């Protein structure tokens, strides 16, 4: 009985650590925002952008952050530029844009579906605007059906964790 109780207690104490997230700042040189990514995910960040995947061997979800050329004053140009980053996808279907604000960031979400050589893709383009900065930041999240099913909760948590620095 004591062994079972100890194992149960150890599991409860260790569970939060198993699902812990790591906070990542972007851009690397002069951070404008932070995002929480699952600890197990692979993260590659440099001065040009940030890319994250569930693991080296699992690219069923790809999350990227890049600074756009579109100035904060030109939302239409930012939308156009964001959509242009998806040029490799065919049969693109865009949903209506959703706009809001969260933790100091203006947010525009453009959900879409498309196809590439791997099949159907679920695409989330998230335009991020931090007042006082020069350009929009684009967070792209591209996933396969399997990736969306397997990592959907992590993707939602990632979007919810976005914060201005």
Protein backbone atom coordinates (compact mmCIF):
# COMPACT_ATOMS: atom_id res chain seq x y z
CA UNK A 1 0.00 0.00 0.00
CA UNK A 2 2.80 2.43 0.86
CA UNK A 3 4.50 1.69 -2.46
CA UNK A 4 1.32 2.48 -4.39
CA UNK A 5 0.84 5.70 -2.45
CA UNK A 6 4.44 6.76 -3.10
CA UNK A 7 4.13 5.98 -6.83
CA UNK A 8 0.86 7.89 -7.05
CA UNK A 9 2.37 10.91 -5.25
CA UNK A 10 5.47 10.82 -7.47
CA UNK A 11 3.26 10.73 -10.57
CA UNK A 12 1.23 13.73 -9.39
CA UNK A 13 4.34 15.71 -8.56
CA UNK A 14 6.11 14.80 -11.81
CA UNK A 15 3.13 15.32 -14.14
CA UNK A 16 3.47 19.09 -14.42
CA UNK A 17 7.14 18.67 -15.27
CA UNK A 18 6.34 16.18 -18.02
CA UNK A 19 4.07 18.70 -19.71
CA UNK A 20 6.13 21.78 -18.89
CA UNK A 21 6.58 24.45 -21.52
CA UNK A 22 9.60 26.52 -22.42
CA UNK A 23 9.28 30.22 -23.04
CA UNK A 24 10.95 31.49 -26.21
CA UNK A 25 11.48 35.15 -27.14
CA UNK A 26 11.29 36.48 -30.70
CA UNK A 27 13.15 38.05 -32.44
CA UNK A 28 16.31 36.75 -30.87
CA UNK A 29 18.34 39.99 -30.95
CA UNK A 30 15.67 42.39 -29.66
CA UNK A 31 12.64 40.41 -28.40
CA UNK A 32 9.20 41.83 -29.15
CA UNK A 33 7.14 38.87 -27.98
CA UNK A 34 7.32 35.62 -26.09
CA UNK A 35 5.61 32.31 -26.73
CA UNK A 36 5.49 29.05 -24.79
CA UNK A 37 6.33 25.87 -26.66
CA UNK A 38 6.17 22.30 -25.38
CA UNK A 39 9.51 21.28 -23.84
CA UNK A 40 9.91 18.31 -26.17
CA UNK A 41 9.54 20.41 -29.33
CA UNK A 42 12.58 21.24 -31.45
CA UNK A 43 13.18 24.99 -31.72
CA UNK A 44 15.55 26.66 -34.15
CA UNK A 45 15.89 30.42 -33.73
CA UNK A 46 18.20 32.89 -35.38
CA UNK A 47 18.10 36.54 -36.47
CA UNK A 48 15.83 35.74 -39.44
CA UNK A 49 13.16 33.70 -37.71
CA UNK A 50 12.02 30.94 -35.44
CA UNK A 51 10.92 27.44 -36.48
CA UNK A 52 9.48 24.80 -34.17
CA UNK A 53 8.36 21.21 -34.76
CA UNK A 54 7.19 18.50 -32.36
CA UNK A 55 10.51 16.65 -32.87
CA UNK A 56 13.33 16.19 -35.38
CA UNK A 57 11.42 13.27 -36.89
CA UNK A 58 7.92 14.76 -36.68
CA UNK A 59 7.15 17.61 -39.04
CA UNK A 60 3.39 17.05 -38.96
CA UNK A 61 3.24 20.54 -37.41
CA UNK A 62 5.53 23.40 -38.37
CA UNK A 63 5.37 26.71 -36.51
CA UNK A 64 7.33 29.66 -37.84
CA UNK A 65 7.78 33.28 -36.76
CA UNK A 66 9.17 35.88 -39.18
CA UNK A 67 9.12 39.65 -39.30
CA UNK A 68 7.23 40.89 -42.35
CA UNK A 69 8.16 43.83 -44.53
CA UNK A 70 4.64 45.25 -44.10
CA UNK A 71 4.54 48.24 -41.79
CA UNK A 72 2.11 48.31 -38.86
CA UNK A 73 0.21 51.11 -40.58
CA UNK A 74 -0.60 48.87 -43.58
CA UNK A 75 -2.74 45.93 -42.42
CA UNK A 76 -3.84 45.07 -45.99
CA UNK A 77 -0.20 44.76 -47.11
CA UNK A 78 0.51 42.48 -44.15
CA UNK A 79 -2.42 40.21 -45.06
CA UNK A 80 -1.26 40.07 -48.67
CA UNK A 81 2.35 39.33 -47.66
CA UNK A 82 1.24 36.62 -45.21
CA UNK A 83 -0.83 34.90 -47.90
CA UNK A 84 2.10 35.11 -50.34
CA UNK A 85 4.19 33.00 -47.92
CA UNK A 86 1.80 30.13 -48.71
CA UNK A 87 2.54 30.18 -52.49
CA UNK A 88 3.70 26.54 -52.46
CA UNK A 89 0.21 25.40 -51.46
CA UNK A 90 -2.53 24.78 -54.01
CA UNK A 91 -6.32 24.90 -53.68
CA UNK A 92 -6.12 27.49 -50.89
CA UNK A 93 -9.39 28.24 -49.11
CA UNK A 94 -9.35 31.08 -46.59
CA UNK A 95 -11.87 31.58 -43.78
CA UNK A 96 -12.96 35.02 -42.61
CA UNK A 97 -10.30 36.90 -40.63
CA UNK A 98 -10.63 37.15 -36.87
CA UNK A 99 -9.23 40.24 -35.15
CA UNK A 100 -8.53 40.91 -31.51
CA UNK A 101 -5.98 41.90 -28.92
CA UNK A 102 -4.13 39.84 -26.34
CA UNK A 103 -1.50 40.78 -23.79
CA UNK A 104 -0.30 43.87 -25.62
CA UNK A 105 -0.46 42.39 -29.13
CA UNK A 106 -2.90 43.16 -31.91
CA UNK A 107 -3.82 39.84 -33.48
CA UNK A 108 -5.34 38.93 -36.84
CA UNK A 109 -5.95 35.23 -37.44
CA UNK A 110 -6.39 33.89 -40.96
CA UNK A 111 -7.33 30.20 -41.02
CA UNK A 112 -7.04 28.28 -44.28
CA UNK A 113 -6.69 24.89 -45.88
CA UNK A 114 -4.55 23.97 -48.85
CA UNK A 115 -2.66 21.12 -50.44
CA UNK A 116 0.99 20.41 -51.13
CA UNK A 117 2.93 17.30 -52.20
CA UNK A 118 2.21 15.72 -48.79
CA UNK A 119 -1.58 16.19 -49.01
CA UNK A 120 -4.08 18.42 -47.23
CA UNK A 121 -2.72 21.04 -44.84
CA UNK A 122 -4.39 23.08 -42.11
CA UNK A 123 -2.92 26.57 -42.03
CA UNK A 124 -3.13 29.29 -39.37
CA UNK A 125 -1.59 32.63 -40.27
CA UNK A 126 -1.41 34.90 -37.24
CA UNK A 127 -0.46 38.54 -37.81
CA UNK A 128 0.98 40.09 -34.66
CA UNK A 129 1.24 43.83 -34.13
CA UNK A 130 3.02 45.32 -31.15
CA UNK A 131 2.32 49.04 -30.84
CA UNK A 132 5.45 51.12 -31.23
CA UNK A 133 7.25 48.66 -33.49
CA UNK A 134 7.92 49.04 -37.20
CA UNK A 135 6.53 45.87 -38.84
CA UNK A 136 4.08 43.03 -38.38
CA UNK A 137 5.30 39.65 -37.20
CA UNK A 138 3.81 36.57 -38.85
CA UNK A 139 3.30 33.34 -36.96
CA UNK A 140 2.52 30.52 -39.40
CA UNK A 141 1.27 27.18 -38.16
CA UNK A 142 0.99 24.47 -40.81
CA UNK A 143 -0.18 20.99 -39.91
CA UNK A 144 -1.33 17.78 -41.52
CA UNK A 145 -4.59 16.18 -40.38
CA UNK A 146 -2.57 13.79 -38.18
CA UNK A 147 -0.50 16.65 -36.78
CA UNK A 148 -3.62 18.68 -36.05
CA UNK A 149 -5.28 15.73 -34.31
CA UNK A 150 -2.17 14.86 -32.29
CA UNK A 151 -0.90 18.35 -31.45
CA UNK A 152 -4.05 20.50 -31.62
CA UNK A 153 -4.06 21.23 -27.90
CA UNK A 154 -0.39 22.27 -28.00
CA UNK A 155 -1.07 24.57 -30.96
CA UNK A 156 -3.99 26.20 -29.13
CA UNK A 157 -1.90 26.64 -25.99
CA UNK A 158 0.92 28.12 -28.05
CA UNK A 159 -1.38 30.75 -29.56
CA UNK A 160 -2.86 31.52 -26.13
CA UNK A 161 0.63 31.99 -24.66
CA UNK A 162 1.62 34.84 -27.00
CA UNK A 163 2.64 37.99 -25.07
CA UNK A 164 4.29 41.28 -25.94
CA UNK A 165 7.69 41.92 -24.35
